[in-house]
């Protein structure tokens, strides 16, 4: 998409940084699926909070796009996919993260869904609190972070070096947790949806309930649920 016109990329010359395109008129757009890994490099601040710790610091993010999806406008219906071959991209930036050091009694599959659902809600609330584009913040969740040795939710800035968003998120930790809990609790869906916890990747699990439970253990105030 460029200046409201759609273009199809016929050939991408990565080394020369050129894309050869042609104009098209279709009812879908494409989105890359990326495998993202994150490694903290330095911790600038750390405080104990309910259920664990809040931190912010410098991180290295590596992402590799391997496939793309064709998604229909308005409904985001998946119309197909294809493989892509691009080099891994590294980004050194800053991040805010929440380590659930005090979490116990979770099954791994349920914790994985809870972290992702809560993380997506926190990401949505963060973009509103900071008045930034949602794409300015990336999300990575780890059931057991090698750095923290605990379940961890990372929000990293998607620009090299960061622009101070992570420090502001660190300062507004309580607002983030409360806002994410309110977002999930106020959503009329049954078990999670793109508006609160994101697309349901595990249809048999209650992403909404699991994310709400996790946020509660991380200090979020109790919220009356809708739906």
Protein backbone atom coordinates (compact mmCIF):
# COMPACT_ATOMS: atom_id res chain seq x y z
CA UNK A 1 0.00 0.00 0.00
CA UNK A 2 1.39 3.39 -1.01
CA UNK A 3 -0.62 6.63 -1.00
CA UNK A 4 -3.85 4.58 -0.73
CA UNK A 5 -2.96 2.49 -3.80
CA UNK A 6 -2.27 -1.25 -3.66
CA UNK A 7 0.87 -2.74 -5.14
CA UNK A 8 2.08 -6.32 -5.51
CA UNK A 9 5.79 -6.98 -5.02
CA UNK A 10 6.98 -9.15 -7.92
CA UNK A 11 10.64 -9.16 -6.91
CA UNK A 12 12.58 -7.97 -3.89
CA UNK A 13 16.28 -7.18 -4.20
CA UNK A 14 17.31 -7.20 -0.55
CA UNK A 15 20.96 -6.30 -1.13
CA UNK A 16 20.11 -3.30 -3.32
CA UNK A 17 17.09 -2.39 -1.17
CA UNK A 18 14.78 -2.29 -4.16
CA UNK A 19 11.27 -3.66 -4.62
CA UNK A 20 9.85 -4.21 -8.11
CA UNK A 21 6.08 -3.78 -7.93
CA UNK A 22 2.94 -3.51 -10.03
CA UNK A 23 -0.35 -1.87 -9.15
CA UNK A 24 -3.24 -4.19 -8.25
CA UNK A 25 -6.81 -3.97 -6.97
CA UNK A 26 -7.52 -6.85 -4.57
CA UNK A 27 -9.62 -7.46 -1.44
CA UNK A 28 -6.76 -8.55 0.82
CA UNK A 29 -3.41 -7.56 2.26
CA UNK A 30 -0.40 -9.59 3.33
CA UNK A 31 1.22 -9.90 6.73
CA UNK A 32 4.47 -11.66 7.58
CA UNK A 33 4.69 -14.23 10.35
CA UNK A 34 7.93 -13.73 12.25
CA UNK A 35 9.82 -15.81 14.74
CA UNK A 36 11.08 -13.32 17.33
CA UNK A 37 13.66 -13.88 20.05
CA UNK A 38 14.66 -11.34 22.68
CA UNK A 39 17.68 -11.16 24.96
CA UNK A 40 18.16 -8.51 27.68
CA UNK A 41 21.56 -6.80 27.53
CA UNK A 42 21.34 -4.38 30.45
CA UNK A 43 18.83 -3.55 33.18
CA UNK A 44 18.26 0.17 33.82
CA UNK A 45 15.63 -0.21 36.53
CA UNK A 46 13.99 -2.94 38.59
CA UNK A 47 11.28 -2.86 41.26
CA UNK A 48 9.37 -5.56 43.10
CA UNK A 49 5.64 -5.63 42.31
CA UNK A 50 2.75 -7.94 43.10
CA UNK A 51 3.53 -11.37 41.70
CA UNK A 52 7.06 -10.56 40.58
CA UNK A 53 9.09 -7.62 39.28
CA UNK A 54 8.89 -4.80 36.74
CA UNK A 55 12.00 -3.92 34.76
CA UNK A 56 13.22 -1.81 31.88
CA UNK A 57 16.49 -1.88 30.03
CA UNK A 58 18.37 -2.55 26.82
CA UNK A 59 17.58 -5.63 24.74
CA UNK A 60 18.57 -7.34 21.51
CA UNK A 61 15.67 -8.50 19.34
CA UNK A 62 16.18 -10.93 16.46
CA UNK A 63 13.34 -11.60 14.01
CA UNK A 64 13.06 -13.94 11.05
CA UNK A 65 10.12 -13.84 8.64
CA UNK A 66 9.47 -17.26 7.12
CA UNK A 67 5.89 -17.12 5.78
CA UNK A 68 3.28 -14.55 4.86
CA UNK A 69 -0.50 -14.69 5.21
CA UNK A 70 -3.15 -13.23 2.92
CA UNK A 71 -5.76 -11.54 5.11
CA UNK A 72 -9.08 -10.19 3.87
CA UNK A 73 -9.87 -6.55 4.49
CA UNK A 74 -12.37 -5.82 7.30
CA UNK A 75 -12.72 -9.44 8.48
CA UNK A 76 -9.02 -10.48 8.57
CA UNK A 77 -10.09 -13.87 7.20
CA UNK A 78 -7.05 -15.97 6.28
CA UNK A 79 -7.15 -16.51 2.51
CA UNK A 80 -3.87 -18.37 2.16
CA UNK A 81 -0.17 -18.22 2.82
CA UNK A 82 3.22 -18.59 1.18
CA UNK A 83 6.88 -18.96 2.08
CA UNK A 84 9.35 -16.09 2.03
CA UNK A 85 13.12 -16.14 2.30
CA UNK A 86 14.64 -13.14 4.04
CA UNK A 87 17.69 -12.76 6.28
CA UNK A 88 17.34 -12.46 10.04
CA UNK A 89 17.03 -8.88 11.28
CA UNK A 90 18.57 -7.74 14.57
CA UNK A 91 17.38 -4.72 16.52
CA UNK A 92 19.10 -3.28 19.57
CA UNK A 93 16.54 -1.25 21.46
CA UNK A 94 14.95 -0.74 24.88
CA UNK A 95 12.11 -2.62 26.54
CA UNK A 96 9.83 -2.79 29.56
CA UNK A 97 9.15 -6.22 30.97
CA UNK A 98 7.21 -7.92 33.69
CA UNK A 99 8.57 -11.07 35.33
CA UNK A 100 6.07 -13.26 37.16
CA UNK A 101 8.48 -14.61 39.74
CA UNK A 102 5.71 -15.45 42.20
CA UNK A 103 3.46 -17.40 39.83
CA UNK A 104 2.71 -20.97 40.89
CA UNK A 105 0.23 -23.72 40.07
CA UNK A 106 0.08 -23.13 36.31
CA UNK A 107 0.08 -25.73 33.56
CA UNK A 108 2.57 -24.85 30.85
CA UNK A 109 0.01 -24.71 28.02
CA UNK A 110 -2.35 -22.55 30.06
CA UNK A 111 0.45 -20.24 31.16
CA UNK A 112 1.58 -19.83 27.55
CA UNK A 113 -1.93 -18.75 26.51
CA UNK A 114 -2.31 -16.52 29.59
CA UNK A 115 0.99 -14.71 28.97
CA UNK A 116 0.17 -14.05 25.33
CA UNK A 117 -3.38 -12.91 26.07
CA UNK A 118 -2.35 -10.65 28.94
CA UNK A 119 0.59 -9.37 26.90
CA UNK A 120 -1.63 -8.38 23.99
CA UNK A 121 -3.99 -6.55 26.31
CA UNK A 122 -1.06 -4.75 27.96
CA UNK A 123 0.30 -3.86 24.51
CA UNK A 124 -3.05 -2.34 23.52
CA UNK A 125 -3.35 -0.34 26.74
CA UNK A 126 0.28 0.80 26.47
CA UNK A 127 -0.27 2.29 23.02
CA UNK A 128 -3.27 4.23 24.34
CA UNK A 129 -1.53 5.46 27.50
CA UNK A 130 1.50 6.66 25.55
CA UNK A 131 -0.56 7.81 22.54
CA UNK A 132 1.62 5.92 20.06
CA UNK A 133 0.92 3.62 17.14
CA UNK A 134 0.48 -0.01 18.31
CA UNK A 135 3.26 -1.00 15.89
CA UNK A 136 5.70 1.16 17.88
CA UNK A 137 5.70 -1.58 20.54
CA UNK A 138 6.55 -5.22 19.91
CA UNK A 139 5.49 -8.10 22.15
CA UNK A 140 7.43 -11.18 23.23
CA UNK A 141 6.26 -13.63 25.90
CA UNK A 142 8.34 -16.40 27.44
CA UNK A 143 7.03 -19.15 29.72
CA UNK A 144 10.47 -19.24 31.32
CA UNK A 145 12.77 -16.37 30.44
CA UNK A 146 16.44 -17.43 30.47
CA UNK A 147 17.28 -14.01 31.90
CA UNK A 148 14.65 -13.84 34.65
CA UNK A 149 14.12 -17.60 35.12
CA UNK A 150 10.40 -16.85 35.37
CA UNK A 151 7.38 -16.31 33.10
CA UNK A 152 7.93 -12.93 31.44
CA UNK A 153 6.09 -10.43 29.23
CA UNK A 154 8.28 -8.06 27.19
CA UNK A 155 7.20 -4.89 25.39
CA UNK A 156 10.05 -3.60 23.24
CA UNK A 157 10.36 -0.44 21.18
CA UNK A 158 10.49 -1.12 17.45
CA UNK A 159 12.99 1.64 16.66
CA UNK A 160 16.76 1.26 17.10
CA UNK A 161 17.92 2.50 20.49
CA UNK A 162 14.39 3.29 21.66
CA UNK A 163 12.90 6.73 22.24
CA UNK A 164 12.04 6.50 25.94
CA UNK A 165 8.75 4.60 25.75
CA UNK A 166 9.99 1.70 27.88
CA UNK A 167 10.94 3.97 30.76
CA UNK A 168 7.50 5.57 30.66
CA UNK A 169 5.86 2.13 30.67
CA UNK A 170 7.99 1.15 33.65
CA UNK A 171 6.72 4.23 35.50
CA UNK A 172 3.09 3.46 34.61
CA UNK A 173 3.18 -0.23 35.46
CA UNK A 174 0.13 -0.11 37.74
CA UNK A 175 -1.93 1.68 35.08
CA UNK A 176 -0.90 -0.92 32.49
CA UNK A 177 -1.95 -3.89 34.61
CA UNK A 178 -5.22 -2.29 35.71
CA UNK A 179 -6.03 -1.14 32.18
CA UNK A 180 -5.33 -4.54 30.66
CA UNK A 181 -7.53 -6.21 33.26
CA UNK A 182 -10.34 -3.73 32.58
CA UNK A 183 -10.00 -4.23 28.81
CA UNK A 184 -10.33 -8.00 29.12
CA UNK A 185 -13.06 -7.87 31.75
CA UNK A 186 -15.11 -5.36 29.78
CA UNK A 187 -14.98 -7.27 26.50
CA UNK A 188 -18.29 -9.05 25.73
CA UNK A 189 -16.58 -12.04 24.09
CA UNK A 190 -16.79 -15.49 25.67
CA UNK A 191 -13.21 -16.74 25.74
CA UNK A 192 -10.95 -14.18 24.09
CA UNK A 193 -10.99 -12.30 20.79
CA UNK A 194 -8.80 -9.92 18.74
CA UNK A 195 -10.23 -6.95 20.66
CA UNK A 196 -8.89 -8.09 24.04
CA UNK A 197 -6.51 -11.08 24.17
CA UNK A 198 -5.83 -11.37 20.44
CA UNK A 199 -6.76 -14.14 17.97
CA UNK A 200 -7.41 -17.47 19.70
CA UNK A 201 -4.58 -19.85 18.83
CA UNK A 202 -5.80 -22.57 21.22
CA UNK A 203 -9.57 -22.91 20.66
CA UNK A 204 -9.95 -25.40 23.53
CA UNK A 205 -8.56 -22.98 26.13
CA UNK A 206 -10.27 -19.96 27.68
CA UNK A 207 -7.74 -17.27 26.79
CA UNK A 208 -9.86 -14.55 28.36
CA UNK A 209 -10.22 -16.31 31.70
CA UNK A 210 -6.57 -17.35 31.82
CA UNK A 211 -5.30 -13.85 31.00
CA UNK A 212 -7.62 -12.31 33.61
CA UNK A 213 -6.39 -14.82 36.20
CA UNK A 214 -2.77 -14.01 35.38
CA UNK A 215 -3.31 -10.26 35.62
CA UNK A 216 -5.06 -10.77 38.95
CA UNK A 217 -2.03 -12.62 40.29
CA UNK A 218 0.13 -9.76 39.03
CA UNK A 219 -1.78 -7.23 41.10
CA UNK A 220 -4.63 -6.08 38.86
CA UNK A 221 -7.78 -4.98 40.72
CA UNK A 222 -10.80 -7.25 40.42
CA UNK A 223 -13.01 -6.36 37.48
CA UNK A 224 -16.61 -7.40 36.82
CA UNK A 225 -16.59 -9.27 33.53
CA UNK A 226 -18.96 -8.64 30.65
CA UNK A 227 -20.42 -11.31 28.43
